[in-house]
PDB file of N, CA and C in Angstrom:
ATOM      1  N   MET A   1     158.499 -98.633 152.439  1.00  0.00           N
ATOM      2  CA  MET A   1     158.997-100.084 151.430  1.00  0.00           C
ATOM      3  C   MET A   1     157.266-100.944 151.572  1.00  0.00           C
ATOM      4  N   THR A   2     157.218-100.875 150.699  1.00  0.00           N
ATOM      5  CA  THR A   2     155.984-102.321 150.118  1.00  0.00           C
ATOM      6  C   THR A   2     156.151-103.204 150.557  1.00  0.00           C
ATOM      7  N   ILE A   3     154.967-104.046 150.840  1.00  0.00           N
ATOM      8  CA  ILE A   3     154.908-105.568 151.033  1.00  0.00           C
ATOM      9  C   ILE A   3     154.611-106.298 150.271  1.00  0.00           C
ATOM     10  N   ARG A   4     154.682-106.968 149.300  1.00  0.00           N
ATOM     11  CA  ARG A   4     154.207-107.820 148.866  1.00  0.00           C
ATOM     12  C   ARG A   4     153.602-108.948 149.128  1.00  0.00           C
ATOM     13  N   MET A   5     152.169-109.119 148.860  1.00  0.00           N
ATOM     14  CA  MET A   5     151.666-110.777 149.321  1.00  0.00           C
ATOM     15  C   MET A   5     150.611-111.015 148.586  1.00  0.00           C
ATOM     16  N   MET A   6     150.543-112.376 148.706  1.00  0.00           N
ATOM     17  CA  MET A   6     149.007-113.024 147.815  1.00  0.00           C
ATOM     18  C   MET A   6     148.220-113.766 148.609  1.00  0.00           C
ATOM     19  N   VAL A   7     146.600-113.538 148.654  1.00  0.00           N
ATOM     20  CA  VAL A   7     145.756-113.973 149.641  1.00  0.00           C
ATOM     21  C   VAL A   7     145.076-114.844 148.678  1.00  0.00           C
ATOM     22  N   ARG A   8     145.115-116.065 149.109  1.00  0.00           N
ATOM     23  CA  ARG A   8     144.525-117.176 148.071  1.00  0.00           C
ATOM     24  C   ARG A   8     143.342-117.827 149.538  1.00  0.00           C
ATOM     25  N   LEU A   9     141.948-117.699 149.185  1.00  0.00           N
ATOM     26  CA  LEU A   9     140.954-118.588 149.785  1.00  0.00           C
ATOM     27  C   LEU A   9     140.593-119.956 149.292  1.00  0.00           C
ATOM     28  N   TYR A  10     141.224-120.789 150.167  1.00  0.00           N
ATOM     29  CA  TYR A  10     140.404-122.761 149.523  1.00  0.00           C
ATOM     30  C   TYR A  10     139.756-122.991 150.007  1.00  0.00           C
ATOM     31  N   ILE A  11     138.779-123.623 149.554  1.00  0.00           N
ATOM     32  CA  ILE A  11     137.320-124.212 150.100  1.00  0.00           C
ATOM     33  C   ILE A  11     137.779-125.758 149.698  1.00  0.00           C
ATOM     34  N   ALA A  12     137.123-126.500 151.032  1.00  0.00           N
ATOM     35  CA  ALA A  12     136.983-128.069 151.004  1.00  0.00           C
ATOM     36  C   ALA A  12     138.371-128.635 149.893  1.00  0.00           C
ATOM     37  N   GLY A  13     139.257-127.954 149.663  1.00  0.00           N
ATOM     38  CA  GLY A  13     140.592-128.070 149.639  1.00  0.00           C
ATOM     39  C   GLY A  13     140.931-127.662 147.548  1.00  0.00           C
ATOM     40  N   GLU A  14     140.100-126.809 147.232  1.00  0.00           N
ATOM     41  CA  GLU A  14     139.598-126.394 146.357  1.00  0.00           C
ATOM     42  C   GLU A  14     140.420-124.838 146.111  1.00  0.00           C
ATOM     43  N   LEU A  15     141.224-124.007 145.237  1.00  0.00           N
ATOM     44  CA  LEU A  15     141.340-122.677 144.736  1.00  0.00           C
ATOM     45  C   LEU A  15     140.060-122.146 144.615  1.00  0.00           C
ATOM     46  N   ASP A  16     139.632-120.594 145.711  1.00  0.00           N
ATOM     47  CA  ASP A  16     138.653-120.407 145.464  1.00  0.00           C
ATOM     48  C   ASP A  16     138.992-119.242 144.695  1.00  0.00           C
ATOM     49  N   SER A  17     139.884-118.466 146.142  1.00  0.00           N
ATOM     50  CA  SER A  17     140.050-116.679 144.822  1.00  0.00           C
ATOM     51  C   SER A  17     141.597-117.223 145.268  1.00  0.00           C
ATOM     52  N   GLU A  18     142.038-115.736 144.523  1.00  0.00           N
ATOM     53  CA  GLU A  18     143.603-115.316 145.060  1.00  0.00           C
ATOM     54  C   GLU A  18     143.571-114.055 144.350  1.00  0.00           C
ATOM     55  N   ASP A  19     143.921-112.914 145.463  1.00  0.00           N
ATOM     56  CA  ASP A  19     144.448-111.643 144.832  1.00  0.00           C
ATOM     57  C   ASP A  19     146.080-111.145 145.620  1.00  0.00           C
ATOM     58  N   SER A  20     146.324-110.549 144.443  1.00  0.00           N
ATOM     59  CA  SER A  20     147.888-109.771 145.119  1.00  0.00           C
ATOM     60  C   SER A  20     147.861-108.472 145.316  1.00  0.00           C
ATOM     61  N   LEU A  21     148.243-108.264 146.626  1.00  0.00           N
ATOM     62  CA  LEU A  21     148.409-106.668 146.939  1.00  0.00           C
ATOM     63  C   LEU A  21     149.001-106.392 147.041  1.00  0.00           C
ATOM     64  N   GLU A  22     149.926-105.069 147.198  1.00  0.00           N
ATOM     65  CA  GLU A  22     150.860-104.245 147.380  1.00  0.00           C
ATOM     66  C   GLU A  22     150.652-103.226 148.892  1.00  0.00           C
ATOM     67  N   VAL A  23     150.848-103.744 150.335  1.00  0.00           N
ATOM     68  CA  VAL A  23     150.526-102.663 151.202  1.00  0.00           C
ATOM     69  C   VAL A  23     151.800-102.130 151.857  1.00  0.00           C
ATOM     70  N   GLU A  24     151.732-101.212 152.549  1.00  0.00           N
ATOM     71  CA  GLU A  24     152.628-100.435 152.993  1.00  0.00           C
ATOM     72  C   GLU A  24     152.464-101.365 154.441  1.00  0.00           C
ATOM     73  N   PRO A  25     153.924-101.329 155.293  1.00  0.00           N
ATOM     74  CA  PRO A  25     154.291-102.216 156.563  1.00  0.00           C
ATOM     75  C   PRO A  25     153.034-101.564 157.544  1.00  0.00           C
ATOM     76  N   GLU A  26     152.969-100.325 158.061  1.00  0.00           N
ATOM     77  CA  GLU A  26     151.974 -99.466 158.904  1.00  0.00           C
ATOM     78  C   GLU A  26     150.775-100.204 158.617  1.00  0.00           C
ATOM     79  N   ALA A  27     150.232-100.424 157.311  1.00  0.00           N
ATOM     80  CA  ALA A  27     148.735-100.246 157.563  1.00  0.00           C
ATOM     81  C   ALA A  27     148.105-102.151 157.425  1.00  0.00           C
ATOM     82  N   LEU A  28     149.569-103.061 157.948  1.00  0.00           N
ATOM     83  CA  LEU A  28     149.408-104.393 157.958  1.00  0.00           C
ATOM     84  C   LEU A  28     148.441-104.926 159.331  1.00  0.00           C
ATOM     85  N   GLU A  29     148.369-104.183 159.646  1.00  0.00           N
ATOM     86  CA  GLU A  29     147.738-104.617 161.117  1.00  0.00           C
ATOM     87  C   GLU A  29     145.975-104.300 160.895  1.00  0.00           C
ATOM     88  N   SER A  30     146.282-103.706 159.817  1.00  0.00           N
ATOM     89  CA  SER A  30     144.507-103.501 159.186  1.00  0.00           C
ATOM     90  C   SER A  30     144.044-104.394 158.379  1.00  0.00           C
ATOM     91  N   VAL A  31     144.924-104.306 157.295  1.00  0.00           N
ATOM     92  CA  VAL A  31     144.273-105.363 156.138  1.00  0.00           C
ATOM     93  C   VAL A  31     144.470-106.609 156.257  1.00  0.00           C
ATOM     94  N   ILE A  32     145.110-106.905 157.045  1.00  0.00           N
ATOM     95  CA  ILE A  32     145.358-108.546 157.431  1.00  0.00           C
ATOM     96  C   ILE A  32     143.195-108.867 158.119  1.00  0.00           C
ATOM     97  N   PRO A  33     143.732-108.333 159.084  1.00  0.00           N
ATOM     98  CA  PRO A  33     142.251-108.404 159.965  1.00  0.00           C
ATOM     99  C   PRO A  33     140.976-108.372 158.773  1.00  0.00           C
ATOM    100  N   ALA A  34     140.961-107.205 158.287  1.00  0.00           N
ATOM    101  CA  ALA A  34     139.994-107.293 157.390  1.00  0.00           C
ATOM    102  C   ALA A  34     139.804-108.086 156.034  1.00  0.00           C
ATOM    103  N   ILE A  35     141.042-108.552 155.520  1.00  0.00           N
ATOM    104  CA  ILE A  35     140.631-109.707 154.420  1.00  0.00           C
ATOM    105  C   ILE A  35     140.200-110.586 154.880  1.00  0.00           C
ATOM    106  N   ALA A  36     141.046-111.121 156.892  1.00  0.00           N
ATOM    107  CA  ALA A  36     140.521-112.535 157.119  1.00  0.00           C
ATOM    108  C   ALA A  36     138.911-112.144 157.432  1.00  0.00           C
ATOM    109  N   SER A  37     138.025-111.492 157.638  1.00  0.00           N
ATOM    110  CA  SER A  37     137.128-111.206 158.175  1.00  0.00           C
ATOM    111  C   SER A  37     135.987-111.332 156.671  1.00  0.00           C
ATOM    112  N   ARG A  38     136.236-110.951 155.674  1.00  0.00           N
ATOM    113  CA  ARG A  38     135.903-110.977 154.782  1.00  0.00           C
ATOM    114  C   ARG A  38     136.077-112.612 153.744  1.00  0.00           C
ATOM    115  N   GLN A  39     137.001-113.252 154.180  1.00  0.00           N
ATOM    116  CA  GLN A  39     136.525-114.538 153.981  1.00  0.00           C
ATOM    117  C   GLN A  39     135.914-115.434 155.382  1.00  0.00           C
ATOM    118  N   ALA A  40     136.246-115.327 156.277  1.00  0.00           N
ATOM    119  CA  ALA A  40     134.865-115.940 157.049  1.00  0.00           C
ATOM    120  C   ALA A  40     133.850-115.906 157.111  1.00  0.00           C
ATOM    121  N   ARG A  41     133.486-115.177 155.935  1.00  0.00           N
ATOM    122  CA  ARG A  41     131.997-115.044 155.867  1.00  0.00           C
ATOM    123  C   ARG A  41     131.294-115.889 155.192  1.00  0.00           C
ATOM    124  N   ARG A  42     132.390-115.733 153.956  1.00  0.00           N
ATOM    125  CA  ARG A  42     132.349-117.148 153.109  1.00  0.00           C
ATOM    126  C   ARG A  42     132.345-117.875 153.279  1.00  0.00           C
ATOM    127  N   VAL A  43     133.068-118.481 154.344  1.00  0.00           N
ATOM    128  CA  VAL A  43     133.699-119.990 154.367  1.00  0.00           C
ATOM    129  C   VAL A  43     132.575-120.475 155.675  1.00  0.00           C
ATOM    130  N   ALA A  44     131.620-119.677 156.220  1.00  0.00           N
ATOM    131  CA  ALA A  44     130.697-120.332 157.217  1.00  0.00           C
ATOM    132  C   ALA A  44     130.670-121.859 157.229  1.00  0.00           C
ATOM    133  N   GLY A  45     130.796-122.353 158.047  1.00  0.00           N
ATOM    134  CA  GLY A  45     130.597-123.556 157.810  1.00  0.00           C
ATOM    135  C   GLY A  45     130.811-124.674 157.149  1.00  0.00           C
ATOM    136  N   ARG A  46     132.090-124.649 156.263  1.00  0.00           N
ATOM    137  CA  ARG A  46     132.913-125.256 155.495  1.00  0.00           C
ATOM    138  C   ARG A  46     134.142-125.334 155.573  1.00  0.00           C
ATOM    139  N   ARG A  47     134.541-126.445 155.337  1.00  0.00           N
ATOM    140  CA  ARG A  47     136.088-126.747 155.085  1.00  0.00           C
ATOM    141  C   ARG A  47     136.748-125.759 154.201  1.00  0.00           C
ATOM    142  N   PHE A  48     137.916-125.078 154.541  1.00  0.00           N
ATOM    143  CA  PHE A  48     138.747-123.903 154.514  1.00  0.00           C
ATOM    144  C   PHE A  48     140.145-124.217 154.996  1.00  0.00           C
ATOM    145  N   MET A  49     140.829-123.053 153.877  1.00  0.00           N
ATOM    146  CA  MET A  49     142.021-122.222 154.256  1.00  0.00           C
ATOM    147  C   MET A  49     142.549-121.448 153.868  1.00  0.00           C
ATOM    148  N   VAL A  50     142.500-120.329 154.439  1.00  0.00           N
ATOM    149  CA  VAL A  50     143.475-118.928 154.062  1.00  0.00           C
ATOM    150  C   VAL A  50     144.912-119.358 153.821  1.00  0.00           C
ATOM    151  N   GLU A  51     145.848-118.260 153.160  1.00  0.00           N
ATOM    152  CA  GLU A  51     146.570-118.829 152.681  1.00  0.00           C
ATOM    153  C   GLU A  51     147.471-116.986 152.233  1.00  0.00           C
ATOM    154  N   PHE A  52     148.250-116.932 153.147  1.00  0.00           N
ATOM    155  CA  PHE A  52     148.941-115.187 153.134  1.00  0.00           C
ATOM    156  C   PHE A  52     150.045-115.812 152.713  1.00  0.00           C
ATOM    157  N   GLU A  53     150.668-115.080 151.460  1.00  0.00           N
ATOM    158  CA  GLU A  53     151.908-115.349 150.836  1.00  0.00           C
ATOM    159  C   GLU A  53     152.990-114.154 151.165  1.00  0.00           C
ATOM    160  N   PHE A  54     153.777-114.028 151.549  1.00  0.00           N
ATOM    161  CA  PHE A  54     154.912-112.496 151.732  1.00  0.00           C
ATOM    162  C   PHE A  54     155.958-113.018 150.128  1.00  0.00           C
ATOM    163  N   PRO A  55     155.788-113.039 149.141  1.00  0.00           N
ATOM    164  CA  PRO A  55     156.609-113.286 147.835  1.00  0.00           C
ATOM    165  C   PRO A  55     158.638-112.883 148.243  1.00  0.00           C
ATOM    166  N   ASP A  56     158.294-112.082 149.040  1.00  0.00           N
ATOM    167  CA  ASP A  56     159.766-111.350 149.241  1.00  0.00           C
ATOM    168  C   ASP A  56     160.389-111.836 150.406  1.00  0.00           C
ATOM    169  N   MET A  57     159.948-112.651 151.072  1.00  0.00           N
ATOM    170  CA  MET A  57     160.497-113.047 152.462  1.00  0.00           C
ATOM    171  C   MET A  57     161.276-114.503 152.324  1.00  0.00           C
ATOM    172  N   PRO A  58     162.184-114.830 153.426  1.00  0.00           N
ATOM    173  CA  PRO A  58     162.603-115.608 153.493  1.00  0.00           C
ATOM    174  C   PRO A  58     161.323-117.126 153.569  1.00  0.00           C
ATOM    175  N   GLU A  59     162.005-118.653 152.998  1.00  0.00           N
ATOM    176  CA  GLU A  59     160.860-119.555 152.425  1.00  0.00           C
ATOM    177  C   GLU A  59     160.378-119.643 154.117  1.00  0.00           C
ATOM    178  N   ALA A  60     160.762-119.634 155.360  1.00  0.00           N
ATOM    179  CA  ALA A  60     160.366-119.963 156.502  1.00  0.00           C
ATOM    180  C   ALA A  60     159.570-119.038 157.004  1.00  0.00           C
ATOM    181  N   ASP A  61     159.532-118.046 156.535  1.00  0.00           N
ATOM    182  CA  ASP A  61     158.684-116.790 157.122  1.00  0.00           C
ATOM    183  C   ASP A  61     157.689-116.648 155.596  1.00  0.00           C
ATOM    184  N   ARG A  62     157.778-117.072 154.684  1.00  0.00           N
ATOM    185  CA  ARG A  62     157.136-116.593 153.209  1.00  0.00           C
ATOM    186  C   ARG A  62     155.657-116.824 153.582  1.00  0.00           C
ATOM    187  N   PHE A  63     155.247-117.631 154.320  1.00  0.00           N
ATOM    188  CA  PHE A  63     153.435-118.303 154.364  1.00  0.00           C
ATOM    189  C   PHE A  63     152.708-118.479 155.792  1.00  0.00           C
ATOM    190  N   LEU A  64     151.707-117.764 155.487  1.00  0.00           N
ATOM    191  CA  LEU A  64     150.908-118.057 156.924  1.00  0.00           C
ATOM    192  C   LEU A  64     149.588-118.547 156.495  1.00  0.00           C
ATOM    193  N   ARG A  65     149.154-119.594 156.967  1.00  0.00           N
ATOM    194  CA  ARG A  65     147.990-120.216 156.730  1.00  0.00           C
ATOM    195  C   ARG A  65     146.978-120.460 157.827  1.00  0.00           C
ATOM    196  N   PHE A  66     145.691-120.139 157.857  1.00  0.00           N
ATOM    197  CA  PHE A  66     144.876-120.851 159.538  1.00  0.00           C
ATOM    198  C   PHE A  66     143.574-121.074 158.680  1.00  0.00           C
ATOM    199  N   GLY A  67     142.940-122.031 158.870  1.00  0.00           N
ATOM    200  CA  GLY A  67     141.559-122.533 158.807  1.00  0.00           C
ATOM    201  C   GLY A  67     141.184-123.837 159.254  1.00  0.00           C
ATOM    202  N   THR A  68     140.608-124.452 158.718  1.00  0.00           N
ATOM    203  CA  THR A  68     139.779-125.481 159.501  1.00  0.00           C
ATOM    204  C   THR A  68     140.451-126.782 158.731  1.00  0.00           C
ATOM    205  N   ASP A  69     140.589-126.481 157.355  1.00  0.00           N
ATOM    206  CA  ASP A  69     140.941-127.805 156.264  1.00  0.00           C
ATOM    207  C   ASP A  69     142.291-127.863 156.932  1.00  0.00           C
ATOM    208  N   LYS A  70     143.147-128.600 157.784  1.00  0.00           N
ATOM    209  CA  LYS A  70     144.510-128.885 157.574  1.00  0.00           C
ATOM    210  C   LYS A  70     145.011-129.629 156.297  1.00  0.00           C
ATOM    211  N   SER A  71     144.261-130.374 155.205  1.00  0.00           N
ATOM    212  CA  SER A  71     144.641-130.728 154.534  1.00  0.00           C
ATOM    213  C   SER A  71     145.681-130.503 153.407  1.00  0.00           C
ATOM    214  N   LEU A  72     145.799-129.394 153.180  1.00  0.00           N
ATOM    215  CA  LEU A  72     147.095-128.424 152.472  1.00  0.00           C
ATOM    216  C   LEU A  72     147.586-127.975 153.040  1.00  0.00           C
ATOM    217  N   MET A  73     148.017-128.113 154.930  1.00  0.00           N
ATOM    218  CA  MET A  73     149.025-127.261 155.732  1.00  0.00           C
ATOM    219  C   MET A  73     150.006-127.911 156.029  1.00  0.00           C
ATOM    220  N   VAL A  74     150.859-126.982 155.926  1.00  0.00           N
ATOM    221  CA  VAL A  74     152.502-127.890 156.272  1.00  0.00           C
ATOM    222  C   VAL A  74     152.649-127.909 157.703  1.00  0.00           C
ATOM    223  N   GLN A  75     152.804-128.415 158.795  1.00  0.00           N
ATOM    224  CA  GLN A  75     152.759-128.797 160.072  1.00  0.00           C
ATOM    225  C   GLN A  75     151.666-127.882 160.623  1.00  0.00           C
ATOM    226  N   PRO A  76     150.703-128.608 160.749  1.00  0.00           N
ATOM    227  CA  PRO A  76     149.126-127.457 161.350  1.00  0.00           C
ATOM    228  C   PRO A  76     149.626-128.061 162.650  1.00  0.00           C
ATOM    229  N   VAL A  77     149.185-127.000 163.239  1.00  0.00           N
ATOM    230  CA  VAL A  77     148.880-127.270 164.439  1.00  0.00           C
ATOM    231  C   VAL A  77     148.056-126.764 165.187  1.00  0.00           C
ATOM    232  N   ALA A  78     146.856-127.469 165.947  1.00  0.00           N
ATOM    233  CA  ALA A  78     146.169-127.097 166.629  1.00  0.00           C
ATOM    234  C   ALA A  78     145.850-126.018 167.517  1.00  0.00           C
ATOM    235  N   VAL A  79     145.063-125.120 167.761  1.00  0.00           N
ATOM    236  CA  VAL A  79     144.670-123.661 168.480  1.00  0.00           C
ATOM    237  C   VAL A  79     143.275-124.002 169.373  1.00  0.00           C
ATOM    238  N   ASP A  80     143.713-124.667 170.625  1.00  0.00           N
ATOM    239  CA  ASP A  80     142.283-124.671 171.661  1.00  0.00           C
ATOM    240  C   ASP A  80     141.778-123.594 171.680  1.00  0.00           C
ATOM    241  N   LEU A  81     140.300-123.180 171.371  1.00  0.00           N
ATOM    242  CA  LEU A  81     139.353-121.329 170.948  1.00  0.00           C
ATOM    243  C   LEU A  81     138.865-121.373 172.598  1.00  0.00           C
ATOM    244  N   ARG A  82     138.810-122.444 173.272  1.00  0.00           N
ATOM    245  CA  ARG A  82     138.181-122.279 174.515  1.00  0.00           C
ATOM    246  C   ARG A  82     138.865-122.078 175.394  1.00  0.00           C
ATOM    247  N   ARG A  83     140.215-121.764 175.179  1.00  0.00           N
ATOM    248  CA  ARG A  83     141.427-121.182 176.018  1.00  0.00           C
ATOM    249  C   ARG A  83     141.546-120.103 176.103  1.00  0.00           C
ATOM    250  N   THR A  84     141.779-118.885 177.120  1.00  0.00           N
ATOM    251  CA  THR A  84     141.290-117.590 177.403  1.00  0.00           C
ATOM    252  C   THR A  84     142.781-117.123 177.458  1.00  0.00           C
ATOM    253  N   HIS A  85     142.987-115.552 177.143  1.00  0.00           N
ATOM    254  CA  HIS A  85     144.375-115.251 176.966  1.00  0.00           C
ATOM    255  C   HIS A  85     143.859-113.649 178.307  1.00  0.00           C
ATOM    256  N   ASP A  86     145.116-114.028 178.957  1.00  0.00           N
ATOM    257  CA  ASP A  86     145.151-112.984 180.062  1.00  0.00           C
ATOM    258  C   ASP A  86     145.943-111.911 179.812  1.00  0.00           C
ATOM    259  N   ALA A  87     145.252-111.024 179.925  1.00  0.00           N
ATOM    260  CA  ALA A  87     146.294-109.961 179.949  1.00  0.00           C
ATOM    261  C   ALA A  87     146.902-109.187 181.133  1.00  0.00           C
TER     262      ALA A  87
END
């Protein structure tokens, strides 16, 4: 089963890029970090948001958004990056 997804990059509240992808489920764990890493290099030091949209998912699970510009996010949640995860 192929997963359809859209990846959008917003910089300072404006849409900068949009890509449409079809990915096999087993490839998601490598594809999403690779996309995020590529986008991160483009936005260093700027307000940004990356949006992953999965059009075939129910509305509640359809979007994954992250970044430093919460103005475009729905119910943004702050993440304390100083905390460490104990494995």
